[in-house]
PDB file of all heavy atoms in Angstrom:
ATOM      1  N   LEU A   1      66.282 -23.584  12.102  1.00  0.00           N
ATOM      2  CA  LEU A   1      67.242 -24.087  11.107  1.00  0.00           C
ATOM      3  C   LEU A   1      67.082 -23.393   9.763  1.00  0.00           C
ATOM      4  O   LEU A   1      67.928 -23.558   8.877  1.00  0.00           O
ATOM      5  CB  LEU A   1      67.089 -25.599  10.945  1.00  0.00           C
ATOM      6  CG  LEU A   1      67.344 -26.426  12.205  1.00  0.00           C
ATOM      7  CD1 LEU A   1      67.298 -27.912  11.890  1.00  0.00           C
ATOM      8  CD2 LEU A   1      68.670 -26.055  12.848  1.00  0.00           C
ATOM      9  N   ILE A   2      66.009 -22.648   9.586  1.00  0.00           N
ATOM     10  CA  ILE A   2      65.857 -21.808   8.400  1.00  0.00           C
ATOM     11  C   ILE A   2      66.401 -20.412   8.685  1.00  0.00           C
ATOM     12  O   ILE A   2      67.005 -19.777   7.820  1.00  0.00           O
ATOM     13  CB  ILE A   2      64.370 -21.708   7.989  1.00  0.00           C
ATOM     14  CG1 ILE A   2      63.751 -23.106   7.877  1.00  0.00           C
ATOM     15  CG2 ILE A   2      64.222 -20.944   6.689  1.00  0.00           C
ATOM     16  CD1 ILE A   2      64.354 -23.972   6.812  1.00  0.00           C
ATOM     17  N   ALA A   3      66.209 -19.944   9.923  1.00  0.00           N
ATOM     18  CA  ALA A   3      66.665 -18.604  10.296  1.00  0.00           C
ATOM     19  C   ALA A   3      68.183 -18.510  10.383  1.00  0.00           C
ATOM     20  O   ALA A   3      68.749 -17.417  10.353  1.00  0.00           O
ATOM     21  CB  ALA A   3      66.049 -18.200  11.635  1.00  0.00           C
ATOM     22  N   GLN A   4      68.864 -19.661  10.517  1.00  0.00           N
ATOM     23  CA  GLN A   4      70.330 -19.695  10.575  1.00  0.00           C
ATOM     24  C   GLN A   4      70.841 -20.109   9.199  1.00  0.00           C
ATOM     25  O   GLN A   4      70.769 -21.281   8.840  1.00  0.00           O
ATOM     26  CB  GLN A   4      70.796 -20.688  11.642  1.00  0.00           C
ATOM     27  CG  GLN A   4      72.298 -20.866  11.719  1.00  0.00           C
ATOM     28  CD  GLN A   4      72.951 -19.964  12.745  1.00  0.00           C
ATOM     29  OE1 GLN A   4      72.288 -19.389  13.587  1.00  0.00           O
ATOM     30  NE2 GLN A   4      74.256 -19.851  12.677  1.00  0.00           N
ATOM     31  N   PRO A   5      71.345 -19.181   8.378  1.00  0.00           N
ATOM     32  CA  PRO A   5      71.692 -19.527   6.996  1.00  0.00           C
ATOM     33  C   PRO A   5      72.894 -20.445   6.861  1.00  0.00           C
ATOM     34  O   PRO A   5      73.002 -21.182   5.888  1.00  0.00           O
ATOM     35  CB  PRO A   5      71.973 -18.167   6.353  1.00  0.00           C
ATOM     36  CG  PRO A   5      72.370 -17.277   7.489  1.00  0.00           C
ATOM     37  CD  PRO A   5      71.571 -17.763   8.668  1.00  0.00           C
ATOM     38  N   THR A   6      73.820 -20.396   7.821  1.00  0.00           N
ATOM     39  CA  THR A   6      75.026 -21.217   7.757  1.00  0.00           C
ATOM     40  C   THR A   6      75.025 -22.180   8.930  1.00  0.00           C
ATOM     41  O   THR A   6      75.014 -21.747  10.088  1.00  0.00           O
ATOM     42  CB  THR A   6      76.284 -20.344   7.804  1.00  0.00           C
ATOM     43  OG1 THR A   6      76.254 -19.425   6.722  1.00  0.00           O
ATOM     44  CG2 THR A   6      77.536 -21.197   7.694  1.00  0.00           C
ATOM     45  N   LEU A   7      75.038 -23.463   8.657  1.00  0.00           N
ATOM     46  CA  LEU A   7      75.002 -24.436   9.743  1.00  0.00           C
ATOM     47  C   LEU A   7      75.557 -25.772   9.276  1.00  0.00           C
ATOM     48  O   LEU A   7      75.765 -26.002   8.089  1.00  0.00           O
ATOM     49  CB  LEU A   7      73.574 -24.598  10.285  1.00  0.00           C
ATOM     50  CG  LEU A   7      72.430 -24.825   9.287  1.00  0.00           C
ATOM     51  CD1 LEU A   7      72.348 -26.284   8.882  1.00  0.00           C
ATOM     52  CD2 LEU A   7      71.105 -24.378   9.888  1.00  0.00           C
ATOM     53  N   GLY A   8      75.783 -26.637  10.251  1.00  0.00           N
ATOM     54  CA  GLY A   8      76.269 -27.983   9.980  1.00  0.00           C
ATOM     55  C   GLY A   8      75.284 -29.013  10.483  1.00  0.00           C
ATOM     56  O   GLY A   8      74.230 -28.671  11.044  1.00  0.00           O
ATOM     57  N   LEU A   9      75.626 -30.272  10.346  1.00  0.00           N
ATOM     58  CA  LEU A   9      74.759 -31.355  10.803  1.00  0.00           C
ATOM     59  C   LEU A   9      74.435 -31.206  12.282  1.00  0.00           C
ATOM     60  O   LEU A   9      73.318 -31.510  12.722  1.00  0.00           O
ATOM     61  CB  LEU A   9      75.442 -32.696  10.539  1.00  0.00           C
ATOM     62  CG  LEU A   9      74.778 -33.931  11.153  1.00  0.00           C
ATOM     63  CD1 LEU A   9      73.378 -34.130  10.602  1.00  0.00           C
ATOM     64  CD2 LEU A   9      75.640 -35.178  10.917  1.00  0.00           C
ATOM     65  N   ASN A  10      75.396 -30.729  13.085  1.00  0.00           N
ATOM     66  CA  ASN A  10      75.198 -30.664  14.533  1.00  0.00           C
ATOM     67  C   ASN A  10      74.034 -29.766  14.940  1.00  0.00           C
ATOM     68  O   ASN A  10      73.454 -29.938  16.006  1.00  0.00           O
ATOM     69  CB  ASN A  10      76.478 -30.199  15.222  1.00  0.00           C
ATOM     70  CG  ASN A  10      76.967 -28.855  14.742  1.00  0.00           C
ATOM     71  OD1 ASN A  10      76.930 -28.542  13.555  1.00  0.00           O
ATOM     72  ND2 ASN A  10      77.449 -28.033  15.646  1.00  0.00           N
ATOM     73  N   TYR A  11      73.667 -28.817  14.090  1.00  0.00           N
ATOM     74  CA  TYR A  11      72.557 -27.921  14.426  1.00  0.00           C
ATOM     75  C   TYR A  11      71.221 -28.662  14.515  1.00  0.00           C
ATOM     76  O   TYR A  11      70.312 -28.230  15.211  1.00  0.00           O
ATOM     77  CB  TYR A  11      72.446 -26.812  13.386  1.00  0.00           C
ATOM     78  CG  TYR A  11      73.428 -25.685  13.561  1.00  0.00           C
ATOM     79  CD1 TYR A  11      74.784 -25.875  13.312  1.00  0.00           C
ATOM     80  CD2 TYR A  11      73.018 -24.424  13.962  1.00  0.00           C
ATOM     81  CE1 TYR A  11      75.702 -24.852  13.455  1.00  0.00           C
ATOM     82  CE2 TYR A  11      73.926 -23.385  14.106  1.00  0.00           C
ATOM     83  CZ  TYR A  11      75.270 -23.604  13.855  1.00  0.00           C
ATOM     84  OH  TYR A  11      76.172 -22.581  14.017  1.00  0.00           O
ATOM     85  N   ALA A  12      71.095 -29.754  13.784  1.00  0.00           N
ATOM     86  CA  ALA A  12      69.820 -30.473  13.742  1.00  0.00           C
ATOM     87  C   ALA A  12      69.460 -31.090  15.083  1.00  0.00           C
ATOM     88  O   ALA A  12      68.312 -31.502  15.284  1.00  0.00           O
ATOM     89  CB  ALA A  12      69.871 -31.549  12.662  1.00  0.00           C
ATOM     90  N   GLY A  13      70.383 -31.137  16.019  1.00  0.00           N
ATOM     91  CA  GLY A  13      70.076 -31.673  17.336  1.00  0.00           C
ATOM     92  C   GLY A  13      68.970 -30.912  18.047  1.00  0.00           C
ATOM     93  O   GLY A  13      68.256 -31.469  18.890  1.00  0.00           O
ATOM     94  N   VAL A  14      68.800 -29.621  17.716  1.00  0.00           N
ATOM     95  CA  VAL A  14      67.777 -28.825  18.392  1.00  0.00           C
ATOM     96  C   VAL A  14      66.374 -29.323  18.086  1.00  0.00           C
ATOM     97  O   VAL A  14      65.412 -28.932  18.775  1.00  0.00           O
ATOM     98  CB  VAL A  14      67.889 -27.331  18.029  1.00  0.00           C
ATOM     99  CG1 VAL A  14      69.247 -26.783  18.425  1.00  0.00           C
ATOM    100  CG2 VAL A  14      67.623 -27.101  16.543  1.00  0.00           C
ATOM    101  N   LEU A  15      66.225 -30.179  17.076  1.00  0.00           N
ATOM    102  CA  LEU A  15      64.902 -30.697  16.736  1.00  0.00           C
ATOM    103  C   LEU A  15      64.426 -31.767  17.711  1.00  0.00           C
ATOM    104  O   LEU A  15      63.244 -32.131  17.692  1.00  0.00           O
ATOM    105  CB  LEU A  15      64.920 -31.274  15.315  1.00  0.00           C
ATOM    106  CG  LEU A  15      65.239 -30.295  14.186  1.00  0.00           C
ATOM    107  CD1 LEU A  15      65.222 -31.016  12.842  1.00  0.00           C
ATOM    108  CD2 LEU A  15      64.264 -29.129  14.169  1.00  0.00           C
ATOM    109  N   ILE A  16      65.294 -32.269  18.561  1.00  0.00           N
ATOM    110  CA  ILE A  16      64.906 -33.334  19.491  1.00  0.00           C
ATOM    111  C   ILE A  16      63.754 -32.908  20.392  1.00  0.00           C
ATOM    112  O   ILE A  16      62.739 -33.616  20.499  1.00  0.00           O
ATOM    113  CB  ILE A  16      66.116 -33.807  20.309  1.00  0.00           C
ATOM    114  CG1 ILE A  16      67.130 -34.500  19.388  1.00  0.00           C
ATOM    115  CG2 ILE A  16      65.688 -34.758  21.436  1.00  0.00           C
ATOM    116  CD1 ILE A  16      68.453 -34.832  20.049  1.00  0.00           C
ATOM    117  N   PRO A  17      63.835 -31.749  21.081  1.00  0.00           N
ATOM    118  CA  PRO A  17      62.677 -31.332  21.885  1.00  0.00           C
ATOM    119  C   PRO A  17      61.431 -31.101  21.045  1.00  0.00           C
ATOM    120  O   PRO A  17      60.311 -31.364  21.501  1.00  0.00           O
ATOM    121  CB  PRO A  17      63.142 -30.026  22.540  1.00  0.00           C
ATOM    122  CG  PRO A  17      64.610 -29.982  22.380  1.00  0.00           C
ATOM    123  CD  PRO A  17      64.956 -30.816  21.204  1.00  0.00           C
ATOM    124  N   ALA A  18      61.607 -30.625  19.812  1.00  0.00           N
ATOM    125  CA  ALA A  18      60.450 -30.389  18.944  1.00  0.00           C
ATOM    126  C   ALA A  18      59.753 -31.696  18.592  1.00  0.00           C
ATOM    127  O   ALA A  18      58.516 -31.763  18.540  1.00  0.00           O
ATOM    128  CB  ALA A  18      60.888 -29.664  17.671  1.00  0.00           C
ATOM    129  N   ILE A  19      60.521 -32.755  18.350  1.00  0.00           N
ATOM    130  CA  ILE A  19      59.922 -34.060  18.042  1.00  0.00           C
ATOM    131  C   ILE A  19      59.098 -34.549  19.227  1.00  0.00           C
ATOM    132  O   ILE A  19      58.000 -35.101  19.058  1.00  0.00           O
ATOM    133  CB  ILE A  19      61.018 -35.081  17.682  1.00  0.00           C
ATOM    134  CG1 ILE A  19      61.698 -34.689  16.371  1.00  0.00           C
ATOM    135  CG2 ILE A  19      60.438 -36.484  17.568  1.00  0.00           C
ATOM    136  CD1 ILE A  19      62.903 -35.548  16.027  1.00  0.00           C
ATOM    137  N   ILE A  20      59.608 -34.346  20.449  1.00  0.00           N
ATOM    138  CA  ILE A  20      58.854 -34.761  21.640  1.00  0.00           C
ATOM    139  C   ILE A  20      57.554 -33.975  21.748  1.00  0.00           C
ATOM    140  O   ILE A  20      56.494 -34.532  22.071  1.00  0.00           O
ATOM    141  CB  ILE A  20      59.711 -34.579  22.904  1.00  0.00           C
ATOM    142  CG1 ILE A  20      60.959 -35.474  22.844  1.00  0.00           C
ATOM    143  CG2 ILE A  20      58.899 -34.905  24.160  1.00  0.00           C
ATOM    144  CD1 ILE A  20      61.927 -35.271  23.986  1.00  0.00           C
ATOM    145  N   LEU A  21      57.602 -32.686  21.468  1.00  0.00           N
ATOM    146  CA  LEU A  21      56.382 -31.875  21.498  1.00  0.00           C
ATOM    147  C   LEU A  21      55.367 -32.377  20.475  1.00  0.00           C
ATOM    148  O   LEU A  21      54.168 -32.457  20.757  1.00  0.00           O
ATOM    149  CB  LEU A  21      56.712 -30.407  21.231  1.00  0.00           C
ATOM    150  CG  LEU A  21      57.465 -29.650  22.329  1.00  0.00           C
ATOM    151  CD1 LEU A  21      57.796 -28.244  21.861  1.00  0.00           C
ATOM    152  CD2 LEU A  21      56.654 -29.603  23.617  1.00  0.00           C
ATOM    153  N   ILE A  22      55.844 -32.702  19.279  1.00  0.00           N
ATOM    154  CA  ILE A  22      54.949 -33.224  18.249  1.00  0.00           C
ATOM    155  C   ILE A  22      54.350 -34.550  18.699  1.00  0.00           C
ATOM    156  O   ILE A  22      53.152 -34.810  18.529  1.00  0.00           O
ATOM    157  CB  ILE A  22      55.692 -33.400  16.908  1.00  0.00           C
ATOM    158  CG1 ILE A  22      56.158 -32.042  16.353  1.00  0.00           C
ATOM    159  CG2 ILE A  22      54.819 -34.131  15.892  1.00  0.00           C
ATOM    160  CD1 ILE A  22      55.055 -31.128  15.932  1.00  0.00           C
ATOM    161  N   TRP A  23      55.174 -35.403  19.293  1.00  0.00           N
ATOM    162  CA  TRP A  23      54.704 -36.715  19.744  1.00  0.00           C
ATOM    163  C   TRP A  23      53.638 -36.572  20.823  1.00  0.00           C
ATOM    164  O   TRP A  23      52.677 -37.344  20.871  1.00  0.00           O
ATOM    165  CB  TRP A  23      55.890 -37.530  20.269  1.00  0.00           C
ATOM    166  CG  TRP A  23      55.563 -38.976  20.501  1.00  0.00           C
ATOM    167  CD1 TRP A  23      55.629 -39.979  19.582  1.00  0.00           C
ATOM    168  CD2 TRP A  23      55.130 -39.565  21.722  1.00  0.00           C
ATOM    169  NE1 TRP A  23      55.267 -41.170  20.171  1.00  0.00           N
ATOM    170  CE2 TRP A  23      54.958 -40.939  21.479  1.00  0.00           C
ATOM    171  CE3 TRP A  23      54.876 -39.076  23.004  1.00  0.00           C
ATOM    172  CZ2 TRP A  23      54.530 -41.831  22.469  1.00  0.00           C
ATOM    173  CZ3 TRP A  23      54.448 -39.954  23.987  1.00  0.00           C
ATOM    174  CH2 TRP A  23      54.282 -41.318  23.717  1.00  0.00           C
ATOM    175  N   ARG A  24      53.790 -35.602  21.690  1.00  0.00           N
ATOM    176  CA  ARG A  24      52.786 -35.379  22.734  1.00  0.00           C
ATOM    177  C   ARG A  24      51.436 -34.990  22.128  1.00  0.00           C
ATOM    178  O   ARG A  24      50.389 -35.321  22.672  1.00  0.00           O
ATOM    179  CB  ARG A  24      53.263 -34.270  23.674  1.00  0.00           C
ATOM    180  CG  ARG A  24      54.386 -34.689  24.602  1.00  0.00           C
ATOM    181  CD  ARG A  24      55.080 -33.483  25.207  1.00  0.00           C
ATOM    182  NE  ARG A  24      54.213 -32.723  26.085  1.00  0.00           N
ATOM    183  CZ  ARG A  24      54.182 -32.836  27.413  1.00  0.00           C
ATOM    184  NH1 ARG A  24      54.995 -33.695  28.005  1.00  0.00           N
ATOM    185  NH2 ARG A  24      53.386 -32.103  28.138  1.00  0.00           N
TER     186      ARG A  24
END
């Protein structure tokens, strides 16, 4: 989400797998 300079709210969905990894 930093490497993509132009984005909308919908891009934040990619964080879902990352949150699961952090939780593990």
